[in-house]
Amino acid sequence: VNESFPFSIALSWKGAAPDSENGAIEQQQSTVVFPKGNPIPSVKALTFYRHSTFDVDVVYADVSEVQSPAKISTYT
């Protein structure tokens, strides 16, 4: 028996825009970390290069697949 998670999970955070060298402009960035059908349990190691506190939101990547709010949790 192989267990898998039926929904895609993404992380979302505010990061510097690619063309801003001074860090003045921040835009929302996100990436799918666990695609639909990902085996469970699973672990991902991510590295964020930041020099101040920031929030990471855990969200369902495709809200049309679930009947609940997109946001799962927020970590600081």
N, C-alpha and C. Protein backbone atom coordinates (compact mmCIF):
# COMPACT_ATOMS: atom_id res chain seq x y z
N VAL A 1 0.85 -1.18 0.00
CA VAL A 1 0.00 0.00 0.00
C VAL A 1 0.89 1.23 0.00
N ASN A 2 0.65 2.12 -0.95
CA ASN A 2 1.37 3.39 -1.01
C ASN A 2 0.39 4.50 -0.66
N GLU A 3 0.75 5.30 0.33
CA GLU A 3 -0.09 6.43 0.71
C GLU A 3 0.41 7.69 0.04
N SER A 4 -0.53 8.54 -0.37
CA SER A 4 -0.16 9.81 -0.99
C SER A 4 -1.17 10.88 -0.60
N PHE A 5 -0.74 12.14 -0.70
CA PHE A 5 -1.60 13.26 -0.35
C PHE A 5 -2.33 13.72 -1.61
N PRO A 6 -3.66 13.88 -1.56
CA PRO A 6 -4.44 14.14 -2.77
C PRO A 6 -4.42 15.58 -3.29
N PHE A 7 -3.73 16.50 -2.59
CA PHE A 7 -3.73 17.90 -3.00
C PHE A 7 -2.30 18.43 -3.08
N SER A 8 -2.07 19.40 -3.97
CA SER A 8 -0.76 20.05 -4.06
C SER A 8 -0.64 21.09 -2.95
N ILE A 9 0.54 21.15 -2.32
CA ILE A 9 0.81 22.10 -1.25
C ILE A 9 1.92 23.04 -1.70
N ALA A 10 1.70 24.34 -1.48
CA ALA A 10 2.68 25.35 -1.88
C ALA A 10 3.08 26.20 -0.69
N LEU A 11 4.26 26.80 -0.78
CA LEU A 11 4.71 27.80 0.19
C LEU A 11 4.68 29.15 -0.50
N SER A 12 4.30 30.18 0.25
CA SER A 12 4.22 31.53 -0.29
C SER A 12 4.88 32.48 0.70
N TRP A 13 5.67 33.44 0.18
CA TRP A 13 6.36 34.41 1.03
C TRP A 13 6.62 35.67 0.24
N LYS A 14 6.94 36.75 0.95
CA LYS A 14 7.31 37.99 0.28
C LYS A 14 8.82 38.00 0.10
N GLY A 15 9.26 38.30 -1.12
CA GLY A 15 10.68 38.33 -1.41
C GLY A 15 11.01 39.49 -2.31
N ALA A 16 12.28 39.82 -2.39
CA ALA A 16 12.72 40.92 -3.23
C ALA A 16 12.45 40.60 -4.69
N ALA A 17 12.00 41.59 -5.43
CA ALA A 17 11.79 41.42 -6.87
C ALA A 17 13.12 41.16 -7.54
N PRO A 18 13.15 40.33 -8.58
CA PRO A 18 14.42 39.97 -9.22
C PRO A 18 15.23 41.16 -9.72
N ASP A 19 14.56 42.27 -10.09
CA ASP A 19 15.29 43.41 -10.63
C ASP A 19 15.58 44.49 -9.60
N SER A 20 15.29 44.25 -8.33
CA SER A 20 15.55 45.28 -7.31
C SER A 20 16.81 44.94 -6.55
N GLU A 21 17.83 45.70 -6.75
CA GLU A 21 19.12 45.45 -6.09
C GLU A 21 19.15 45.99 -4.67
N ASN A 22 18.36 47.02 -4.38
CA ASN A 22 18.38 47.64 -3.05
C ASN A 22 17.39 47.00 -2.09
N GLY A 23 16.60 46.06 -2.55
CA GLY A 23 15.64 45.38 -1.68
C GLY A 23 14.44 46.23 -1.36
N ALA A 24 14.22 47.32 -2.06
CA ALA A 24 13.12 48.23 -1.77
C ALA A 24 11.77 47.66 -2.19
N ILE A 25 11.75 46.86 -3.24
CA ILE A 25 10.50 46.31 -3.76
C ILE A 25 10.40 44.84 -3.36
N GLU A 26 9.25 44.49 -2.76
CA GLU A 26 9.02 43.09 -2.44
C GLU A 26 7.75 42.63 -3.12
N GLN A 27 7.76 41.42 -3.62
CA GLN A 27 6.57 40.85 -4.25
C GLN A 27 6.34 39.46 -3.70
N GLN A 28 5.10 39.01 -3.78
CA GLN A 28 4.74 37.69 -3.29
C GLN A 28 5.34 36.63 -4.21
N GLN A 29 6.00 35.65 -3.62
CA GLN A 29 6.57 34.54 -4.38
C GLN A 29 6.01 33.24 -3.81
N SER A 30 5.93 32.22 -4.64
CA SER A 30 5.45 30.93 -4.15
C SER A 30 6.03 29.81 -4.99
N THR A 31 6.00 28.62 -4.39
CA THR A 31 6.46 27.43 -5.09
C THR A 31 5.72 26.22 -4.55
N VAL A 32 5.39 25.29 -5.42
CA VAL A 32 4.76 24.03 -5.00
C VAL A 32 5.85 23.14 -4.43
N VAL A 33 5.71 22.76 -3.17
CA VAL A 33 6.72 21.92 -2.53
C VAL A 33 6.31 20.45 -2.49
N PHE A 34 5.01 20.20 -2.46
CA PHE A 34 4.51 18.83 -2.49
C PHE A 34 3.43 18.75 -3.57
N PRO A 35 3.75 18.21 -4.74
CA PRO A 35 2.74 18.10 -5.80
C PRO A 35 1.66 17.09 -5.45
N LYS A 36 0.53 17.20 -6.11
CA LYS A 36 -0.59 16.27 -5.91
C LYS A 36 -0.10 14.84 -6.10
N GLY A 37 -0.47 13.96 -5.18
CA GLY A 37 -0.06 12.56 -5.27
C GLY A 37 1.30 12.27 -4.65
N ASN A 38 1.89 13.27 -3.99
CA ASN A 38 3.19 13.09 -3.34
C ASN A 38 3.08 12.03 -2.25
N PRO A 39 4.03 11.08 -2.19
CA PRO A 39 3.98 10.05 -1.14
C PRO A 39 4.07 10.68 0.25
N ILE A 40 3.36 10.08 1.21
CA ILE A 40 3.47 10.53 2.60
C ILE A 40 3.89 9.35 3.45
N PRO A 41 4.67 9.59 4.49
CA PRO A 41 5.22 10.88 4.91
C PRO A 41 6.34 11.36 3.99
N SER A 42 6.53 12.68 3.93
CA SER A 42 7.59 13.30 3.13
C SER A 42 8.21 14.46 3.90
N VAL A 43 9.45 14.75 3.57
CA VAL A 43 10.17 15.86 4.19
C VAL A 43 10.86 16.65 3.09
N LYS A 44 10.85 17.98 3.20
CA LYS A 44 11.58 18.85 2.27
C LYS A 44 12.45 19.78 3.11
N ALA A 45 13.66 20.02 2.68
CA ALA A 45 14.55 21.00 3.32
C ALA A 45 14.66 22.19 2.38
N LEU A 46 14.31 23.36 2.87
CA LEU A 46 14.36 24.58 2.07
C LEU A 46 15.29 25.59 2.74
N THR A 47 15.97 26.38 1.94
CA THR A 47 16.86 27.42 2.46
C THR A 47 16.38 28.77 1.96
N PHE A 48 16.19 29.71 2.88
CA PHE A 48 15.81 31.08 2.54
C PHE A 48 16.93 32.00 2.99
N TYR A 49 17.45 32.80 2.09
CA TYR A 49 18.50 33.76 2.42
C TYR A 49 17.84 35.08 2.77
N ARG A 50 17.65 35.31 4.07
CA ARG A 50 16.99 36.52 4.57
C ARG A 50 17.82 37.09 5.71
N HIS A 51 17.69 38.39 5.94
CA HIS A 51 18.39 38.99 7.07
C HIS A 51 17.43 39.65 8.04
N SER A 52 16.14 39.31 7.96
CA SER A 52 15.16 39.78 8.93
C SER A 52 14.04 38.74 9.01
N THR A 53 13.19 38.91 9.99
CA THR A 53 12.07 38.00 10.19
C THR A 53 11.10 38.09 9.01
N PHE A 54 10.54 36.97 8.60
CA PHE A 54 9.56 36.96 7.52
C PHE A 54 8.58 35.83 7.75
N ASP A 55 7.44 35.90 7.08
CA ASP A 55 6.39 34.89 7.21
C ASP A 55 6.37 33.99 5.99
N VAL A 56 6.09 32.72 6.22
CA VAL A 56 5.89 31.75 5.15
C VAL A 56 4.48 31.18 5.32
N ASP A 57 3.67 31.30 4.28
CA ASP A 57 2.32 30.75 4.30
C ASP A 57 2.32 29.39 3.62
N VAL A 58 1.62 28.45 4.22
CA VAL A 58 1.42 27.13 3.62
C VAL A 58 -0.01 27.14 3.06
N VAL A 59 -0.13 26.88 1.77
CA VAL A 59 -1.43 26.99 1.10
C VAL A 59 -1.67 25.80 0.18
N TYR A 60 -2.94 25.54 -0.10
CA TYR A 60 -3.27 24.59 -1.15
C TYR A 60 -2.95 25.27 -2.48
N ALA A 61 -2.21 24.61 -3.35
CA ALA A 61 -1.78 25.22 -4.61
C ALA A 61 -2.94 25.40 -5.58
N ASP A 62 -3.91 24.51 -5.57
CA ASP A 62 -5.06 24.59 -6.47
C ASP A 62 -6.33 24.56 -5.63
N VAL A 63 -6.89 25.74 -5.38
CA VAL A 63 -8.06 25.86 -4.51
C VAL A 63 -9.28 25.16 -5.09
N SER A 64 -9.32 24.98 -6.40
CA SER A 64 -10.48 24.32 -7.02
C SER A 64 -10.59 22.85 -6.61
N GLU A 65 -9.51 22.28 -6.08
CA GLU A 65 -9.52 20.87 -5.68
C GLU A 65 -10.07 20.65 -4.27
N VAL A 66 -10.14 21.71 -3.47
CA VAL A 66 -10.56 21.57 -2.07
C VAL A 66 -11.77 22.45 -1.79
N GLN A 67 -12.53 22.09 -0.79
CA GLN A 67 -13.69 22.88 -0.39
C GLN A 67 -13.40 23.55 0.95
N SER A 68 -12.29 24.23 1.02
CA SER A 68 -11.89 24.94 2.23
C SER A 68 -11.02 26.13 1.81
N PRO A 69 -10.71 27.02 2.75
CA PRO A 69 -9.84 28.15 2.41
C PRO A 69 -8.47 27.65 1.92
N ALA A 70 -7.84 28.44 1.06
CA ALA A 70 -6.54 28.06 0.50
C ALA A 70 -5.45 28.01 1.56
N LYS A 71 -5.51 28.91 2.53
CA LYS A 71 -4.45 29.01 3.54
C LYS A 71 -4.57 27.89 4.57
N ILE A 72 -3.46 27.18 4.78
CA ILE A 72 -3.41 26.11 5.76
C ILE A 72 -2.82 26.62 7.07
N SER A 73 -1.68 27.34 6.97
CA SER A 73 -0.98 27.82 8.16
C SER A 73 0.02 28.90 7.77
N THR A 74 0.52 29.63 8.79
CA THR A 74 1.58 30.62 8.59
C THR A 74 2.67 30.37 9.62
N TYR A 75 3.92 30.44 9.17
CA TYR A 75 5.08 30.28 10.05
C TYR A 75 5.95 31.53 9.96
N THR A 76 6.49 31.95 11.11
CA THR A 76 7.36 33.13 11.17
C THR A 76 8.76 32.71 11.53
